[in-house]
Amino acid sequence: MKIGVLFDMDGTLWDSTKEITESWNLVLKDYGIQVTQDTLQSLMGQTMDVFEEALMPGLDAETRKQAIAACFEMENRYLEENGATLYDGVQEMFESLSKKYPLFIVSNCQSGYIEAFLKYYGFDKYITDLECYGNTGKGKADNEALIVKRNHLNQGIYIGDIQGDYDATKEAGLTFIHAAYGFGTIKEKVVAVNSVLEIEQAVEQVVKEM
């Protein structure tokens, strides 16, 4: 049986809210808008159109699209050059877990965001495939299912930190592990980890119960 382990990004592998806030404000000052780190964190995990509507309500639709595109372009470049706050143990976890299972990343981010993360830290060698909203225009459930189908997986385990991650994972028919150290809580009772260093053990526990 081929089992894959899929990861969320923000609140699961790193916290990039500080760096995203800095990069976006470089762009948005030209539109008379300033965003805060708290506001961006509250939106983490949502699709790009949600960011656009929440942060730029005073701009017309066409201007919003131009502004958000410029923000994402700046953000990708900024993260590729500077990285962000990587959670302790990510490299060790990737290195060990990738010897047992193929690893994937699925996020509601723009195209290029996951690639910036992988390039800055040199994690490309651990990740078999990736997918995101920016590539497909689809939500997390569809993209999780796409990864499973494209990589011929029999089972998939998704690790994420917010309720939306759980809901999408259930819709896609995968098993969920909660990154409880991240940005959100889960209403349902699920397997949870309190640090990245606990992920491998939790994955093994879930696999045994499959």
N, C-alpha and C. Protein backbone atom coordinates (compact mmCIF):
# COMPACT_ATOMS: atom_id res chain seq x y z
N MET A 1 0.84 -1.19 0.00
CA MET A 1 0.00 0.00 0.00
C MET A 1 0.88 1.24 0.00
N LYS A 2 0.63 2.15 -0.93
CA LYS A 2 1.42 3.37 -1.04
C LYS A 2 0.74 4.49 -0.27
N ILE A 3 1.41 4.94 0.78
CA ILE A 3 0.88 5.99 1.65
C ILE A 3 1.72 7.25 1.49
N GLY A 4 1.06 8.38 1.32
CA GLY A 4 1.76 9.65 1.21
C GLY A 4 1.44 10.56 2.38
N VAL A 5 2.39 11.42 2.73
CA VAL A 5 2.18 12.39 3.80
C VAL A 5 2.18 13.78 3.18
N LEU A 6 1.06 14.48 3.36
CA LEU A 6 0.87 15.80 2.77
C LEU A 6 0.92 16.87 3.86
N PHE A 7 1.55 17.98 3.56
CA PHE A 7 1.72 19.05 4.54
C PHE A 7 1.06 20.35 4.09
N ASP A 8 0.43 21.02 5.03
CA ASP A 8 0.06 22.42 4.90
C ASP A 8 1.34 23.23 5.05
N MET A 9 1.29 24.52 4.76
CA MET A 9 2.46 25.38 4.90
C MET A 9 2.41 26.24 6.15
N ASP A 10 1.57 27.29 6.12
CA ASP A 10 1.56 28.28 7.20
C ASP A 10 0.94 27.72 8.46
N GLY A 11 1.68 27.82 9.57
CA GLY A 11 1.20 27.28 10.83
C GLY A 11 1.51 25.81 11.00
N THR A 12 2.13 25.21 9.98
CA THR A 12 2.49 23.79 10.04
C THR A 12 3.99 23.60 9.84
N LEU A 13 4.55 24.24 8.82
CA LEU A 13 5.98 24.15 8.55
C LEU A 13 6.73 25.42 8.93
N TRP A 14 6.05 26.56 8.79
CA TRP A 14 6.68 27.83 9.17
C TRP A 14 5.62 28.88 9.47
N ASP A 15 6.07 30.01 10.01
CA ASP A 15 5.22 31.17 10.23
C ASP A 15 5.84 32.31 9.42
N SER A 16 5.17 32.68 8.34
CA SER A 16 5.72 33.71 7.45
C SER A 16 4.95 35.03 7.55
N THR A 17 4.10 35.17 8.57
CA THR A 17 3.24 36.35 8.62
C THR A 17 4.04 37.66 8.74
N LYS A 18 5.11 37.65 9.49
CA LYS A 18 5.93 38.86 9.63
C LYS A 18 6.51 39.27 8.28
N GLU A 19 7.08 38.30 7.58
CA GLU A 19 7.72 38.59 6.30
C GLU A 19 6.69 38.97 5.23
N ILE A 20 5.53 38.32 5.25
CA ILE A 20 4.49 38.67 4.28
C ILE A 20 3.98 40.08 4.54
N THR A 21 3.78 40.41 5.81
CA THR A 21 3.34 41.77 6.16
C THR A 21 4.32 42.81 5.65
N GLU A 22 5.60 42.57 5.88
CA GLU A 22 6.63 43.52 5.43
C GLU A 22 6.62 43.68 3.91
N SER A 23 6.54 42.56 3.21
CA SER A 23 6.60 42.61 1.75
C SER A 23 5.34 43.24 1.15
N TRP A 24 4.18 42.90 1.72
CA TRP A 24 2.94 43.47 1.19
C TRP A 24 2.86 44.97 1.40
N ASN A 25 3.32 45.43 2.55
CA ASN A 25 3.24 46.87 2.82
C ASN A 25 4.15 47.67 1.90
N LEU A 26 5.19 47.05 1.36
CA LEU A 26 6.03 47.72 0.37
C LEU A 26 5.23 48.04 -0.88
N VAL A 27 4.27 47.16 -1.20
CA VAL A 27 3.42 47.35 -2.38
C VAL A 27 2.20 48.22 -2.06
N LEU A 28 1.55 47.91 -0.95
CA LEU A 28 0.24 48.53 -0.66
C LEU A 28 0.33 49.99 -0.25
N LYS A 29 1.52 50.47 0.11
CA LYS A 29 1.65 51.89 0.44
C LYS A 29 1.27 52.76 -0.75
N ASP A 30 1.47 52.23 -1.96
CA ASP A 30 1.11 52.98 -3.16
C ASP A 30 -0.40 53.05 -3.37
N TYR A 31 -1.14 52.23 -2.64
CA TYR A 31 -2.60 52.22 -2.73
C TYR A 31 -3.26 52.83 -1.49
N GLY A 32 -2.41 53.38 -0.60
CA GLY A 32 -2.93 53.98 0.62
C GLY A 32 -3.43 52.97 1.63
N ILE A 33 -2.90 51.76 1.59
CA ILE A 33 -3.32 50.68 2.47
C ILE A 33 -2.13 50.17 3.27
N GLN A 34 -2.36 49.87 4.53
CA GLN A 34 -1.34 49.22 5.36
C GLN A 34 -1.99 48.06 6.09
N VAL A 35 -1.35 46.90 6.04
CA VAL A 35 -1.88 45.72 6.72
C VAL A 35 -1.04 45.41 7.94
N THR A 36 -1.65 44.74 8.90
CA THR A 36 -0.94 44.36 10.12
C THR A 36 -0.69 42.86 10.13
N GLN A 37 0.27 42.46 10.92
CA GLN A 37 0.60 41.05 11.03
C GLN A 37 -0.58 40.25 11.62
N ASP A 38 -1.28 40.83 12.58
CA ASP A 38 -2.43 40.15 13.19
C ASP A 38 -3.53 39.90 12.16
N THR A 39 -3.78 40.88 11.31
CA THR A 39 -4.81 40.72 10.28
C THR A 39 -4.45 39.62 9.31
N LEU A 40 -3.20 39.62 8.85
CA LEU A 40 -2.77 38.59 7.92
C LEU A 40 -2.83 37.21 8.56
N GLN A 41 -2.43 37.12 9.82
CA GLN A 41 -2.46 35.81 10.49
C GLN A 41 -3.88 35.28 10.59
N SER A 42 -4.84 36.17 10.79
CA SER A 42 -6.23 35.74 10.91
C SER A 42 -6.77 35.19 9.59
N LEU A 43 -6.11 35.54 8.48
CA LEU A 43 -6.55 35.09 7.16
C LEU A 43 -5.76 33.90 6.64
N MET A 44 -4.71 33.51 7.35
CA MET A 44 -3.86 32.41 6.89
C MET A 44 -4.69 31.14 6.68
N GLY A 45 -4.43 30.48 5.57
CA GLY A 45 -5.15 29.26 5.24
C GLY A 45 -6.30 29.49 4.30
N GLN A 46 -6.68 30.77 4.11
CA GLN A 46 -7.77 31.08 3.19
C GLN A 46 -7.23 31.19 1.76
N THR A 47 -8.13 31.14 0.79
CA THR A 47 -7.70 31.28 -0.60
C THR A 47 -7.43 32.75 -0.90
N MET A 48 -6.76 32.99 -2.01
CA MET A 48 -6.28 34.33 -2.34
C MET A 48 -7.40 35.34 -2.52
N ASP A 49 -8.53 34.90 -3.04
CA ASP A 49 -9.64 35.84 -3.24
C ASP A 49 -10.18 36.38 -1.93
N VAL A 50 -10.07 35.57 -0.85
CA VAL A 50 -10.51 36.02 0.48
C VAL A 50 -9.59 37.13 0.98
N PHE A 51 -8.29 36.98 0.78
CA PHE A 51 -7.33 38.03 1.15
C PHE A 51 -7.69 39.33 0.42
N GLU A 52 -7.93 39.20 -0.86
CA GLU A 52 -8.21 40.37 -1.70
C GLU A 52 -9.41 41.15 -1.19
N GLU A 53 -10.50 40.45 -0.90
CA GLU A 53 -11.73 41.11 -0.46
C GLU A 53 -11.59 41.70 0.94
N ALA A 54 -10.85 40.98 1.82
CA ALA A 54 -10.74 41.43 3.21
C ALA A 54 -9.82 42.63 3.37
N LEU A 55 -8.77 42.70 2.59
CA LEU A 55 -7.76 43.73 2.79
C LEU A 55 -7.94 44.96 1.92
N MET A 56 -8.72 44.84 0.83
CA MET A 56 -8.82 45.95 -0.11
C MET A 56 -10.27 46.28 -0.47
N PRO A 57 -11.15 46.40 0.52
CA PRO A 57 -12.57 46.62 0.22
C PRO A 57 -12.84 47.95 -0.47
N GLY A 58 -11.96 48.92 -0.30
CA GLY A 58 -12.19 50.24 -0.88
C GLY A 58 -11.75 50.38 -2.32
N LEU A 59 -11.10 49.34 -2.87
CA LEU A 59 -10.62 49.41 -4.24
C LEU A 59 -11.59 48.70 -5.18
N ASP A 60 -11.65 49.15 -6.41
CA ASP A 60 -12.50 48.46 -7.39
C ASP A 60 -11.88 47.12 -7.74
N ALA A 61 -12.67 46.26 -8.35
CA ALA A 61 -12.27 44.87 -8.59
C ALA A 61 -10.98 44.77 -9.40
N GLU A 62 -10.87 45.56 -10.44
CA GLU A 62 -9.68 45.48 -11.30
C GLU A 62 -8.43 45.95 -10.57
N THR A 63 -8.56 47.02 -9.80
CA THR A 63 -7.41 47.53 -9.03
C THR A 63 -7.00 46.53 -7.95
N ARG A 64 -8.00 45.90 -7.32
CA ARG A 64 -7.69 44.87 -6.31
C ARG A 64 -6.87 43.74 -6.92
N LYS A 65 -7.26 43.30 -8.10
CA LYS A 65 -6.55 42.20 -8.75
C LYS A 65 -5.11 42.60 -9.08
N GLN A 66 -4.93 43.82 -9.53
CA GLN A 66 -3.58 44.30 -9.83
C GLN A 66 -2.74 44.38 -8.56
N ALA A 67 -3.34 44.91 -7.50
CA ALA A 67 -2.62 45.08 -6.24
C ALA A 67 -2.25 43.74 -5.63
N ILE A 68 -3.19 42.79 -5.62
CA ILE A 68 -2.91 41.50 -5.00
C ILE A 68 -1.85 40.73 -5.78
N ALA A 69 -1.88 40.86 -7.11
CA ALA A 69 -0.87 40.21 -7.95
C ALA A 69 0.52 40.77 -7.64
N ALA A 70 0.60 42.09 -7.47
CA ALA A 70 1.88 42.73 -7.14
C ALA A 70 2.36 42.30 -5.75
N CYS A 71 1.40 42.15 -4.81
CA CYS A 71 1.75 41.70 -3.45
C CYS A 71 2.33 40.29 -3.48
N PHE A 72 1.70 39.41 -4.22
CA PHE A 72 2.16 38.02 -4.27
C PHE A 72 3.52 37.91 -4.96
N GLU A 73 3.72 38.71 -5.99
CA GLU A 73 5.02 38.70 -6.67
C GLU A 73 6.13 39.17 -5.73
N MET A 74 5.86 40.26 -5.02
CA MET A 74 6.83 40.76 -4.05
C MET A 74 7.06 39.75 -2.93
N GLU A 75 5.97 39.16 -2.45
CA GLU A 75 6.06 38.18 -1.36
C GLU A 75 6.94 37.00 -1.73
N ASN A 76 6.71 36.42 -2.90
CA ASN A 76 7.52 35.27 -3.33
C ASN A 76 8.99 35.61 -3.40
N ARG A 77 9.29 36.77 -3.96
CA ARG A 77 10.68 37.20 -4.09
C ARG A 77 11.31 37.44 -2.72
N TYR A 78 10.55 38.07 -1.84
CA TYR A 78 11.02 38.38 -0.49
C TYR A 78 11.32 37.11 0.29
N LEU A 79 10.41 36.13 0.22
CA LEU A 79 10.59 34.88 0.96
C LEU A 79 11.72 34.03 0.38
N GLU A 80 11.86 34.06 -0.92
CA GLU A 80 12.93 33.30 -1.56
C GLU A 80 14.30 33.84 -1.14
N GLU A 81 14.36 35.15 -0.88
CA GLU A 81 15.63 35.77 -0.50
C GLU A 81 15.87 35.78 1.00
N ASN A 82 14.78 35.78 1.81
CA ASN A 82 14.93 35.97 3.26
C ASN A 82 14.43 34.81 4.11
N GLY A 83 13.62 33.90 3.52
CA GLY A 83 13.02 32.85 4.34
C GLY A 83 12.01 33.44 5.30
N ALA A 84 11.65 32.67 6.32
CA ALA A 84 10.71 33.13 7.34
C ALA A 84 11.03 32.39 8.62
N THR A 85 10.06 32.31 9.53
CA THR A 85 10.30 31.63 10.81
C THR A 85 9.97 30.16 10.65
N LEU A 86 11.00 29.38 10.40
CA LEU A 86 10.86 27.93 10.25
C LEU A 86 10.68 27.29 11.61
N TYR A 87 9.70 26.41 11.74
CA TYR A 87 9.50 25.74 13.02
C TYR A 87 10.65 24.76 13.29
N ASP A 88 11.02 24.64 14.54
CA ASP A 88 12.13 23.78 14.93
C ASP A 88 11.89 22.33 14.50
N GLY A 89 12.88 21.75 13.87
CA GLY A 89 12.84 20.33 13.56
C GLY A 89 12.32 19.97 12.19
N VAL A 90 11.98 20.98 11.34
CA VAL A 90 11.41 20.66 10.03
C VAL A 90 12.39 19.86 9.17
N GLN A 91 13.64 20.30 9.09
CA GLN A 91 14.59 19.58 8.24
C GLN A 91 14.80 18.16 8.73
N GLU A 92 14.95 17.99 10.04
CA GLU A 92 15.16 16.65 10.59
C GLU A 92 13.95 15.76 10.31
N MET A 93 12.76 16.33 10.46
CA MET A 93 11.54 15.57 10.22
C MET A 93 11.43 15.18 8.76
N PHE A 94 11.66 16.12 7.85
CA PHE A 94 11.61 15.83 6.42
C PHE A 94 12.61 14.73 6.06
N GLU A 95 13.81 14.86 6.55
CA GLU A 95 14.87 13.92 6.20
C GLU A 95 14.53 12.50 6.63
N SER A 96 14.02 12.37 7.85
CA SER A 96 13.69 11.04 8.37
C SER A 96 12.43 10.48 7.73
N LEU A 97 11.38 11.30 7.65
CA LEU A 97 10.09 10.81 7.16
C LEU A 97 10.14 10.48 5.67
N SER A 98 10.94 11.23 4.91
CA SER A 98 11.02 11.01 3.46
C SER A 98 11.67 9.68 3.11
N LYS A 99 12.35 9.06 4.06
CA LYS A 99 12.94 7.74 3.84
C LYS A 99 11.88 6.64 3.90
N LYS A 100 10.72 6.97 4.47
CA LYS A 100 9.66 5.98 4.66
C LYS A 100 8.45 6.22 3.76
N TYR A 101 8.16 7.51 3.49
CA TYR A 101 6.96 7.86 2.73
C TYR A 101 7.27 9.00 1.76
N PRO A 102 6.58 9.04 0.61
CA PRO A 102 6.71 10.24 -0.23
C PRO A 102 6.02 11.41 0.45
N LEU A 103 6.63 12.58 0.38
CA LEU A 103 6.12 13.78 1.05
C LEU A 103 5.62 14.78 0.01
N PHE A 104 4.56 15.51 0.38
CA PHE A 104 3.92 16.46 -0.52
C PHE A 104 3.54 17.72 0.25
N ILE A 105 3.35 18.82 -0.47
CA ILE A 105 2.84 20.05 0.14
C ILE A 105 1.61 20.50 -0.65
N VAL A 106 0.54 20.80 0.07
CA VAL A 106 -0.69 21.33 -0.53
C VAL A 106 -1.11 22.55 0.28
N SER A 107 -1.23 23.69 -0.39
CA SER A 107 -1.54 24.94 0.30
C SER A 107 -2.53 25.76 -0.52
N ASN A 108 -3.24 26.66 0.15
CA ASN A 108 -4.15 27.58 -0.53
C ASN A 108 -3.43 28.84 -1.02
N CYS A 109 -2.15 28.75 -1.22
CA CYS A 109 -1.33 29.92 -1.56
C CYS A 109 -1.31 30.18 -3.06
N GLN A 110 -0.58 31.24 -3.43
CA GLN A 110 -0.36 31.58 -4.83
C GLN A 110 0.75 30.72 -5.42
N SER A 111 0.79 30.66 -6.74
CA SER A 111 1.88 29.95 -7.42
C SER A 111 3.22 30.58 -7.03
N GLY A 112 4.20 29.74 -6.81
CA GLY A 112 5.55 30.22 -6.50
C GLY A 112 5.86 30.30 -5.02
N TYR A 113 4.83 30.29 -4.17
CA TYR A 113 5.03 30.42 -2.72
C TYR A 113 5.73 29.19 -2.13
N ILE A 114 5.21 28.02 -2.48
CA ILE A 114 5.82 26.78 -1.98
C ILE A 114 7.24 26.65 -2.52
N GLU A 115 7.40 27.01 -3.79
CA GLU A 115 8.72 26.92 -4.41
C GLU A 115 9.73 27.84 -3.73
N ALA A 116 9.29 29.04 -3.29
CA ALA A 116 10.18 29.96 -2.57
C ALA A 116 10.65 29.33 -1.26
N PHE A 117 9.73 28.69 -0.56
CA PHE A 117 10.06 27.98 0.68
C PHE A 117 11.08 26.88 0.42
N LEU A 118 10.83 26.06 -0.58
CA LEU A 118 11.71 24.93 -0.87
C LEU A 118 13.09 25.41 -1.31
N LYS A 119 13.12 26.47 -2.11
CA LYS A 119 14.40 26.96 -2.62
C LYS A 119 15.25 27.58 -1.52
N TYR A 120 14.63 28.39 -0.66
CA TYR A 120 15.41 29.06 0.38
C TYR A 120 16.07 28.05 1.32
N TYR A 121 15.33 27.01 1.71
CA TYR A 121 15.86 26.05 2.68
C TYR A 121 16.48 24.81 2.04
N GLY A 122 16.40 24.69 0.73
CA GLY A 122 16.98 23.52 0.07
C GLY A 122 16.20 22.25 0.34
N PHE A 123 14.88 22.37 0.49
CA PHE A 123 14.04 21.21 0.84
C PHE A 123 13.48 20.48 -0.38
N ASP A 124 13.83 20.92 -1.58
CA ASP A 124 13.29 20.29 -2.79
C ASP A 124 13.50 18.78 -2.79
N LYS A 125 14.64 18.34 -2.29
CA LYS A 125 14.99 16.92 -2.34
C LYS A 125 14.07 16.04 -1.51
N TYR A 126 13.32 16.65 -0.58
CA TYR A 126 12.43 15.86 0.28
C TYR A 126 11.00 15.79 -0.25
N ILE A 127 10.63 16.70 -1.14
CA ILE A 127 9.23 16.83 -1.55
C ILE A 127 9.01 16.25 -2.94
N THR A 128 8.11 15.27 -3.03
CA THR A 128 7.84 14.57 -4.28
C THR A 128 6.98 15.40 -5.23
N ASP A 129 6.00 16.11 -4.70
CA ASP A 129 5.08 16.86 -5.54
C ASP A 129 4.41 17.93 -4.68
N LEU A 130 3.82 18.93 -5.32
CA LEU A 130 3.14 20.01 -4.60
C LEU A 130 1.96 20.51 -5.42
N GLU A 131 1.01 21.15 -4.72
CA GLU A 131 -0.11 21.75 -5.42
C GLU A 131 -0.65 22.90 -4.59
N CYS A 132 -1.29 23.87 -5.29
CA CYS A 132 -1.81 25.03 -4.59
C CYS A 132 -2.96 25.66 -5.36
N TYR A 133 -3.67 26.54 -4.68
CA TYR A 133 -4.80 27.26 -5.28
C TYR A 133 -4.36 28.08 -6.49
N GLY A 134 -3.19 28.69 -6.38
CA GLY A 134 -2.71 29.52 -7.48
C GLY A 134 -2.48 28.75 -8.76
N ASN A 135 -2.17 27.47 -8.66
CA ASN A 135 -1.94 26.65 -9.85
C ASN A 135 -3.24 26.17 -10.48
N THR A 136 -4.18 25.78 -9.64
CA THR A 136 -5.38 25.09 -10.14
C THR A 136 -6.65 25.91 -10.05
N GLY A 137 -6.67 26.96 -9.20
CA GLY A 137 -7.90 27.71 -8.95
C GLY A 137 -8.89 26.92 -8.11
N LYS A 138 -8.43 25.83 -7.52
CA LYS A 138 -9.30 24.97 -6.72
C LYS A 138 -8.90 25.00 -5.25
N GLY A 139 -9.83 24.64 -4.38
CA GLY A 139 -9.59 24.63 -2.95
C GLY A 139 -8.75 23.46 -2.50
N LYS A 140 -8.49 23.42 -1.22
CA LYS A 140 -7.56 22.43 -0.67
C LYS A 140 -8.04 20.98 -0.84
N ALA A 141 -9.34 20.75 -0.68
CA ALA A 141 -9.85 19.37 -0.81
C ALA A 141 -9.57 18.83 -2.20
N ASP A 142 -9.86 19.63 -3.22
CA ASP A 142 -9.62 19.19 -4.60
C ASP A 142 -8.13 18.98 -4.86
N ASN A 143 -7.30 19.84 -4.30
CA ASN A 143 -5.86 19.73 -4.53
C ASN A 143 -5.24 18.55 -3.78
N GLU A 144 -5.77 18.25 -2.60
CA GLU A 144 -5.32 17.04 -1.90
C GLU A 144 -5.66 15.80 -2.73
N ALA A 145 -6.89 15.76 -3.22
CA ALA A 145 -7.33 14.63 -4.03
C ALA A 145 -6.51 14.52 -5.32
N LEU A 146 -6.15 15.67 -5.89
CA LEU A 146 -5.33 15.68 -7.10
C LEU A 146 -3.95 15.09 -6.85
N ILE A 147 -3.35 15.45 -5.72
CA ILE A 147 -2.04 14.89 -5.37
C ILE A 147 -2.12 13.37 -5.21
N VAL A 148 -3.17 12.91 -4.54
CA VAL A 148 -3.34 11.47 -4.32
C VAL A 148 -3.47 10.74 -5.66
N LYS A 149 -4.30 11.28 -6.54
CA LYS A 149 -4.51 10.65 -7.85
C LYS A 149 -3.26 10.70 -8.72
N ARG A 150 -2.63 11.86 -8.76
CA ARG A 150 -1.47 12.06 -9.64
C ARG A 150 -0.29 11.20 -9.23
N ASN A 151 -0.19 10.91 -7.94
CA ASN A 151 0.95 10.14 -7.44
C ASN A 151 0.59 8.70 -7.08
N HIS A 152 -0.61 8.29 -7.49
CA HIS A 152 -1.04 6.90 -7.35
C HIS A 152 -0.95 6.40 -5.90
N LEU A 153 -1.44 7.24 -4.98
CA LEU A 153 -1.43 6.87 -3.57
C LEU A 153 -2.67 6.05 -3.22
N ASN A 154 -2.51 5.08 -2.35
CA ASN A 154 -3.65 4.33 -1.83
C ASN A 154 -4.28 5.04 -0.64
N GLN A 155 -3.42 5.72 0.14
CA GLN A 155 -3.88 6.45 1.32
C GLN A 155 -3.06 7.72 1.46
N GLY A 156 -3.66 8.73 2.06
CA GLY A 156 -2.95 9.97 2.30
C GLY A 156 -3.20 10.48 3.71
N ILE A 157 -2.18 11.08 4.30
CA ILE A 157 -2.28 11.71 5.62
C ILE A 157 -1.95 13.18 5.44
N TYR A 158 -2.87 14.06 5.87
CA TYR A 158 -2.63 15.49 5.74
C TYR A 158 -2.38 16.10 7.10
N ILE A 159 -1.34 16.93 7.20
CA ILE A 159 -0.98 17.59 8.45
C ILE A 159 -1.22 19.08 8.28
N GLY A 160 -2.15 19.62 9.07
CA GLY A 160 -2.49 21.04 8.99
C GLY A 160 -2.89 21.58 10.35
N ASP A 161 -3.13 22.89 10.42
CA ASP A 161 -3.30 23.51 11.73
C ASP A 161 -4.66 24.16 11.98
N ILE A 162 -5.50 24.34 10.95
CA ILE A 162 -6.77 25.04 11.17
C ILE A 162 -7.96 24.17 10.79
N GLN A 163 -9.14 24.60 11.23
CA GLN A 163 -10.36 23.82 10.97
C GLN A 163 -10.58 23.60 9.48
N GLY A 164 -10.27 24.61 8.68
CA GLY A 164 -10.43 24.46 7.23
C GLY A 164 -9.58 23.35 6.66
N ASP A 165 -8.40 23.13 7.24
CA ASP A 165 -7.54 22.03 6.80
C ASP A 165 -8.22 20.69 7.09
N TYR A 166 -8.77 20.59 8.29
CA TYR A 166 -9.46 19.35 8.68
C TYR A 166 -10.65 19.10 7.76
N ASP A 167 -11.46 20.11 7.56
CA ASP A 167 -12.66 19.96 6.74
C ASP A 167 -12.31 19.53 5.32
N ALA A 168 -11.28 20.15 4.75
CA ALA A 168 -10.86 19.80 3.39
C ALA A 168 -10.34 18.38 3.32
N THR A 169 -9.60 17.99 4.34
CA THR A 169 -9.01 16.66 4.36
C THR A 169 -10.09 15.58 4.45
N LYS A 170 -11.11 15.82 5.26
CA LYS A 170 -12.21 14.87 5.35
C LYS A 170 -12.95 14.80 4.02
N GLU A 171 -13.15 15.94 3.38
CA GLU A 171 -13.83 15.96 2.09
C GLU A 171 -13.04 15.18 1.04
N ALA A 172 -11.72 15.26 1.12
CA ALA A 172 -10.87 14.56 0.16
C ALA A 172 -10.72 13.08 0.48
N GLY A 173 -11.18 12.67 1.67
CA GLY A 173 -11.11 11.27 2.05
C GLY A 173 -9.77 10.84 2.62
N LEU A 174 -9.00 11.82 3.12
CA LEU A 174 -7.69 11.52 3.71
C LEU A 174 -7.79 11.54 5.23
N THR A 175 -6.71 11.12 5.88
CA THR A 175 -6.62 11.13 7.34
C THR A 175 -5.90 12.40 7.79
N PHE A 176 -6.38 12.99 8.90
CA PHE A 176 -5.86 14.28 9.33
C PHE A 176 -5.07 14.17 10.63
N ILE A 177 -3.96 14.92 10.69
CA ILE A 177 -3.20 15.11 11.92
C ILE A 177 -3.15 16.61 12.18
N HIS A 178 -3.49 17.01 13.41
CA HIS A 178 -3.54 18.44 13.74
C HIS A 178 -2.20 18.95 14.25
N ALA A 179 -1.67 19.96 13.58
CA ALA A 179 -0.48 20.67 14.07
C ALA A 179 -0.96 21.69 15.10
N ALA A 180 -1.08 21.23 16.34
CA ALA A 180 -1.70 22.04 17.39
C ALA A 180 -0.85 23.23 17.82
N TYR A 181 0.40 23.27 17.37
CA TYR A 181 1.28 24.40 17.67
C TYR A 181 1.06 25.56 16.70
N GLY A 182 0.18 25.36 15.70
CA GLY A 182 -0.02 26.35 14.65
C GLY A 182 -1.02 27.43 15.00
N PHE A 183 -1.81 27.86 14.00
CA PHE A 183 -2.66 29.03 14.14
C PHE A 183 -4.07 28.74 14.62
N GLY A 184 -4.51 27.48 14.60
CA GLY A 184 -5.92 27.23 14.88
C GLY A 184 -6.20 26.01 15.73
N THR A 185 -7.47 25.84 16.05
CA THR A 185 -7.94 24.70 16.82
C THR A 185 -8.89 23.88 15.94
N ILE A 186 -9.12 22.64 16.35
CA ILE A 186 -10.00 21.73 15.62
C ILE A 186 -11.13 21.31 16.56
N LYS A 187 -12.36 21.42 16.09
CA LYS A 187 -13.51 21.08 16.93
C LYS A 187 -13.59 19.58 17.19
N GLU A 188 -13.24 18.78 16.20
CA GLU A 188 -13.34 17.33 16.33
C GLU A 188 -12.13 16.75 17.08
N LYS A 189 -12.30 15.56 17.60
CA LYS A 189 -11.20 14.88 18.28
C LYS A 189 -10.33 14.20 17.23
N VAL A 190 -9.09 14.61 17.16
CA VAL A 190 -8.18 14.08 16.14
C VAL A 190 -6.81 13.83 16.77
N VAL A 191 -5.98 13.09 16.06
CA VAL A 191 -4.59 12.94 16.47
C VAL A 191 -3.92 14.30 16.33
N ALA A 192 -3.19 14.72 17.37
CA ALA A 192 -2.58 16.05 17.37
C ALA A 192 -1.13 15.97 17.81
N VAL A 193 -0.34 16.92 17.31
CA VAL A 193 1.06 17.04 17.72
C VAL A 193 1.30 18.45 18.23
N ASN A 194 2.19 18.57 19.20
CA ASN A 194 2.48 19.88 19.79
C ASN A 194 3.80 20.47 19.31
N SER A 195 4.47 19.76 18.43
CA SER A 195 5.68 20.28 17.80
C SER A 195 5.97 19.47 16.55
N VAL A 196 6.79 20.02 15.67
CA VAL A 196 7.17 19.32 14.45
C VAL A 196 7.86 18.00 14.79
N LEU A 197 8.60 17.98 15.88
CA LEU A 197 9.36 16.79 16.25
C LEU A 197 8.47 15.60 16.61
N GLU A 198 7.17 15.85 16.81
CA GLU A 198 6.24 14.77 17.13
C GLU A 198 5.53 14.21 15.90
N ILE A 199 5.76 14.83 14.75
CA ILE A 199 5.01 14.45 13.55
C ILE A 199 5.29 13.02 13.11
N GLU A 200 6.54 12.63 13.07
CA GLU A 200 6.87 11.29 12.58
C GLU A 200 6.21 10.21 13.41
N GLN A 201 6.25 10.36 14.71
CA GLN A 201 5.62 9.38 15.60
C GLN A 201 4.11 9.33 15.38
N ALA A 202 3.51 10.50 15.18
CA ALA A 202 2.06 10.55 14.95
C ALA A 202 1.70 9.88 13.62
N VAL A 203 2.51 10.10 12.59
CA VAL A 203 2.28 9.46 11.30
C VAL A 203 2.33 7.95 11.45
N GLU A 204 3.32 7.45 12.16
CA GLU A 204 3.45 6.00 12.36
C GLU A 204 2.24 5.45 13.12
N GLN A 205 1.76 6.20 14.09
CA GLN A 205 0.57 5.79 14.84
C GLN A 205 -0.65 5.68 13.93
N VAL A 206 -0.82 6.69 13.08
CA VAL A 206 -1.97 6.70 12.16
C VAL A 206 -1.87 5.57 11.15
N VAL A 207 -0.66 5.33 10.63
CA VAL A 207 -0.48 4.27 9.63
C VAL A 207 -0.82 2.91 10.22
N LYS A 208 -0.45 2.68 11.47
CA LYS A 208 -0.76 1.40 12.13
C LYS A 208 -2.25 1.17 12.23
N GLU A 209 -3.01 2.24 12.34
CA GLU A 209 -4.46 2.13 12.52
C GLU A 209 -5.23 2.09 11.19
N MET A 210 -4.53 2.23 10.08
CA MET A 210 -5.17 2.19 8.76
C MET A 210 -5.57 0.76 8.38
